[in-house]
Each structure stands twice: as C-alpha cells, then as structure tokens.
C-alpha cells in the first residue's frame, strides 16, 4: 500500500451556482454596511464605550462609523517608549478629525517588564503573548473613562491595510502552486 496522506484544502464557494459575483463597488458597500451595523450594536448601548485607536484602517473605520452614528467616543492609543514604529501621531490626527478625545498611554520598558511579571503571577503561568501585558495596562488606564472598548483586531488584513502586499504575494503563490502537478503540490504542502 502507498503510505501517503492527502489533505483536502478548504475552497469556499464565494458565490452560489448561477449567481453573479458582486462588483467591487457592491462588495465595498456591503462590507461598509456590515461594519456600520457592528459598530452600531456596540456604540448605541447605554454604557460608555471607547475605541482602541492605532490610526490604522480598521480602528479609523470604527471611529468614522461611530461619528456617523452621532457618537463621539473617547479613543485610546498605546505608545511604547523607544519603539521606532510609533503610530500615536496617526491616531492623534484621526481622533482630531472625528472630534474624539484621544488618551495616550506611553509604556516604558520598565512598566512593560513589571506588567509582564504581574500578569504572569496573576495567571500562574506565562502570557501567551507580550501584547497581553500591554492590553492589561491599557484596560487599567481606560477604565476611569469608559466601561468598554471596541477593537479592530485583524481589520487591516480584511480591509486591505498595511499587510495587503504580503497577502497578495501569498495568494499569488497559492494560485501558482495550484497549477502544478498533484505530486509536486503534495510535496510543497508537506
């Protein structure tokens, strides 16, 4: 017998049979409507809600929709000392544009290390990512201003943000691999 394993890759049906694919304009409008409804469900509750604002596409879109719904939530931005990729100036501009009071949390290396140690002792084991410690600091910082926060995690990838060139490159690689003979595809996947 052959000792090989065949994995079936998931290939979703993006459209139903005999259904035409939406145009780019239709897709953008539908995505915009879905995002607006999601923000509306959260922002219209009686609790005070803030937005985690990086200045990126996802969090900026959330703040935009909140402002279009007649709300002006406070926004919260984290800046790490000695980090070259400081997004706080972008967040500040977006917050100003939508008249949101932007609260900036600057985290020093010492604060970060202390929080890592505190979070580890509270949980009884190390954190899965260092971002957990920063999130905990941010939650402590924001709780005097708001009851909840909206985050756009992963939105840059979905909404064609900063990593889109890498995603396009990977999709092109997948399309190229799919054109190869089956034995070659299995070898590459293995």
Protein backbone atom coordinates (compact mmCIF):
# COMPACT_ATOMS: atom_id res chain seq x y z
CA UNK A 1 0.00 0.00 0.00
CA UNK A 2 1.03 3.59 -0.56
CA UNK A 3 1.86 5.45 2.63
CA UNK A 4 0.78 8.90 1.74
CA UNK A 5 -1.73 11.29 3.15
CA UNK A 6 -3.88 13.57 1.10
CA UNK A 7 -5.13 16.76 2.71
CA UNK A 8 -8.13 18.45 1.18
CA UNK A 9 -7.74 22.19 1.16
CA UNK A 10 -10.78 24.21 2.04
CA UNK A 11 -12.12 26.01 -1.00
CA UNK A 12 -15.18 28.03 -0.06
CA UNK A 13 -17.92 28.74 -2.58
CA UNK A 14 -17.84 32.53 -2.80
CA UNK A 15 -20.99 32.62 -4.86
CA UNK A 16 -23.91 30.30 -5.39
CA UNK A 17 -24.37 28.49 -8.68
CA UNK A 18 -25.83 30.79 -11.34
CA UNK A 19 -25.27 33.81 -9.13
CA UNK A 20 -23.10 36.57 -10.49
CA UNK A 21 -20.22 37.76 -8.37
CA UNK A 22 -20.70 41.23 -6.88
CA UNK A 23 -18.85 44.13 -8.40
CA UNK A 24 -16.10 45.77 -6.38
CA UNK A 25 -18.41 48.69 -5.62
CA UNK A 26 -21.16 46.34 -4.37
CA UNK A 27 -18.68 44.42 -2.20
CA UNK A 28 -17.31 47.63 -0.67
CA UNK A 29 -20.81 48.91 0.09
CA UNK A 30 -21.81 45.59 1.67
CA UNK A 31 -18.66 45.47 3.81
CA UNK A 32 -19.21 49.08 4.87
CA UNK A 33 -22.80 48.28 5.88
CA UNK A 34 -21.73 45.22 7.88
CA UNK A 35 -19.07 47.23 9.72
CA UNK A 36 -21.50 50.07 10.43
CA UNK A 37 -24.08 47.65 11.89
CA UNK A 38 -21.42 46.02 14.06
CA UNK A 39 -20.29 49.37 15.44
CA UNK A 40 -23.91 50.48 15.94
CA UNK A 41 -24.73 47.41 18.06
CA UNK A 42 -21.97 48.31 20.49
CA UNK A 43 -21.82 52.09 20.41
CA UNK A 44 -25.56 52.68 20.96
CA UNK A 45 -25.63 50.81 24.28
CA UNK A 46 -26.02 52.92 27.44
CA UNK A 47 -22.50 52.12 28.66
CA UNK A 48 -19.60 54.43 27.92
CA UNK A 49 -17.66 52.87 25.05
CA UNK A 50 -14.24 53.86 23.74
CA UNK A 51 -12.25 52.90 20.66
CA UNK A 52 -8.75 51.42 20.63
CA UNK A 53 -7.23 53.72 18.03
CA UNK A 54 -3.95 52.96 16.29
CA UNK A 55 -4.52 55.26 13.34
CA UNK A 56 -4.71 52.22 11.07
CA UNK A 57 -7.52 51.45 8.69
CA UNK A 58 -9.55 49.21 11.00
CA UNK A 59 -9.71 51.41 14.09
CA UNK A 60 -10.13 54.57 11.98
CA UNK A 61 -13.11 52.98 10.20
CA UNK A 62 -14.67 52.13 13.57
CA UNK A 63 -14.27 55.71 14.79
CA UNK A 64 -15.65 57.02 11.49
CA UNK A 65 -18.80 54.90 11.79
CA UNK A 66 -19.27 55.88 15.44
CA UNK A 67 -19.11 59.56 14.44
CA UNK A 68 -21.54 58.96 11.55
CA UNK A 69 -23.95 57.47 14.11
CA UNK A 70 -23.81 60.73 16.09
CA UNK A 71 -21.47 59.39 18.78
CA UNK A 72 -18.08 60.75 19.74
CA UNK A 73 -16.41 58.04 21.79
CA UNK A 74 -13.11 58.63 23.55
CA UNK A 75 -10.21 56.92 21.82
CA UNK A 76 -7.21 55.20 23.40
CA UNK A 77 -3.76 54.79 21.90
CA UNK A 78 -0.71 52.95 23.21
CA UNK A 79 2.82 54.11 22.52
CA UNK A 80 5.89 52.12 23.53
CA UNK A 81 8.94 54.13 24.53
CA UNK A 82 11.96 53.59 22.29
CA UNK A 83 9.82 51.97 19.59
CA UNK A 84 10.58 53.19 16.08
CA UNK A 85 7.12 52.35 14.76
CA UNK A 86 5.12 54.81 16.88
CA UNK A 87 1.62 55.11 15.46
CA UNK A 88 0.39 57.64 18.00
CA UNK A 89 0.77 60.69 15.69
CA UNK A 90 -1.53 58.99 13.15
CA UNK A 91 -4.03 58.12 15.86
CA UNK A 92 -3.96 61.69 17.14
CA UNK A 93 -4.78 63.05 13.68
CA UNK A 94 -7.67 60.63 13.20
CA UNK A 95 -9.04 61.40 16.68
CA UNK A 96 -8.86 65.14 15.94
CA UNK A 97 -10.62 64.63 12.59
CA UNK A 98 -13.57 62.89 14.29
CA UNK A 99 -13.50 65.11 17.40
CA UNK A 100 -12.68 62.21 19.71
CA UNK A 101 -10.78 62.85 22.91
CA UNK A 102 -7.64 60.74 22.44
CA UNK A 103 -5.98 59.33 25.55
CA UNK A 104 -2.36 58.34 25.00
CA UNK A 105 -0.78 55.66 27.20
CA UNK A 106 3.01 55.72 27.00
CA UNK A 107 4.53 52.47 28.22
CA UNK A 108 8.18 52.44 29.28
CA UNK A 109 10.33 49.31 29.17
CA UNK A 110 10.28 49.22 32.98
CA UNK A 111 6.46 49.43 33.11
CA UNK A 112 6.20 46.71 30.49
CA UNK A 113 8.51 44.31 32.35
CA UNK A 114 6.75 44.97 35.65
CA UNK A 115 3.38 44.30 34.00
CA UNK A 116 4.68 41.07 32.45
CA UNK A 117 5.74 39.88 35.88
CA UNK A 118 2.43 40.95 37.48
CA UNK A 119 0.32 39.34 34.74
CA UNK A 120 2.34 36.13 34.96
CA UNK A 121 1.90 35.94 38.73
CA UNK A 122 -1.85 36.67 38.47
CA UNK A 123 -2.38 33.98 35.86
CA UNK A 124 0.01 31.48 37.41
CA UNK A 125 1.77 30.90 34.10
CA UNK A 126 3.49 33.00 31.40
CA UNK A 127 1.37 35.00 29.00
CA UNK A 128 0.91 33.58 25.51
CA UNK A 129 2.00 36.92 24.00
CA UNK A 130 3.56 40.11 25.29
CA UNK A 131 0.56 42.00 23.91
CA UNK A 132 -1.47 40.62 26.83
CA UNK A 133 0.57 42.70 29.28
CA UNK A 134 0.11 45.86 27.22
CA UNK A 135 -3.62 45.19 26.89
CA UNK A 136 -3.89 44.81 30.65
CA UNK A 137 -2.13 48.16 31.16
CA UNK A 138 -4.46 49.75 28.62
CA UNK A 139 -7.56 48.32 30.31
CA UNK A 140 -6.42 49.67 33.67
CA UNK A 141 -5.72 53.06 32.06
CA UNK A 142 -9.06 53.27 30.22
CA UNK A 143 -11.41 52.06 32.96
CA UNK A 144 -11.71 55.52 34.55
CA UNK A 145 -13.02 56.92 31.25
CA UNK A 146 -15.08 54.10 29.66
CA UNK A 147 -16.87 50.87 30.51
CA UNK A 148 -15.87 49.03 27.34
CA UNK A 149 -13.57 49.26 24.34
CA UNK A 150 -14.05 48.47 20.65
CA UNK A 151 -11.07 46.99 18.85
CA UNK A 152 -10.49 46.41 15.16
CA UNK A 153 -8.09 43.49 15.57
CA UNK A 154 -7.36 41.87 12.24
CA UNK A 155 -9.15 44.55 10.28
CA UNK A 156 -6.04 45.73 8.48
CA UNK A 157 -5.79 42.36 6.81
CA UNK A 158 -9.51 42.15 5.99
CA UNK A 159 -9.81 45.79 4.92
CA UNK A 160 -6.64 45.78 2.78
CA UNK A 161 -4.44 47.57 5.28
CA UNK A 162 -0.72 47.53 5.85
CA UNK A 163 -0.10 43.83 5.20
CA UNK A 164 -2.04 43.63 1.93
CA UNK A 165 1.11 43.39 -0.26
CA UNK A 166 2.19 40.30 1.69
CA UNK A 167 -1.31 38.80 1.41
CA UNK A 168 -1.38 39.39 -2.34
CA UNK A 169 2.05 37.80 -2.69
CA UNK A 170 0.88 34.73 -0.72
CA UNK A 171 -2.31 34.45 -2.79
CA UNK A 172 -0.26 34.58 -5.98
CA UNK A 173 1.95 31.81 -4.61
CA UNK A 174 -1.12 29.68 -3.84
CA UNK A 175 -2.51 30.23 -7.35
CA UNK A 176 0.86 29.26 -8.80
CA UNK A 177 1.05 26.12 -6.65
CA UNK A 178 -2.47 25.09 -7.68
CA UNK A 179 -1.35 24.98 -11.33
CA UNK A 180 1.45 22.49 -10.56
CA UNK A 181 1.05 18.71 -10.94
CA UNK A 182 -0.57 17.00 -7.93
CA UNK A 183 2.62 15.20 -6.81
CA UNK A 184 4.53 18.50 -6.78
CA UNK A 185 1.68 20.21 -4.85
CA UNK A 186 1.72 17.46 -2.22
CA UNK A 187 5.48 17.79 -1.85
CA UNK A 188 5.28 21.56 -1.41
CA UNK A 189 2.42 21.29 1.10
CA UNK A 190 4.30 18.64 3.08
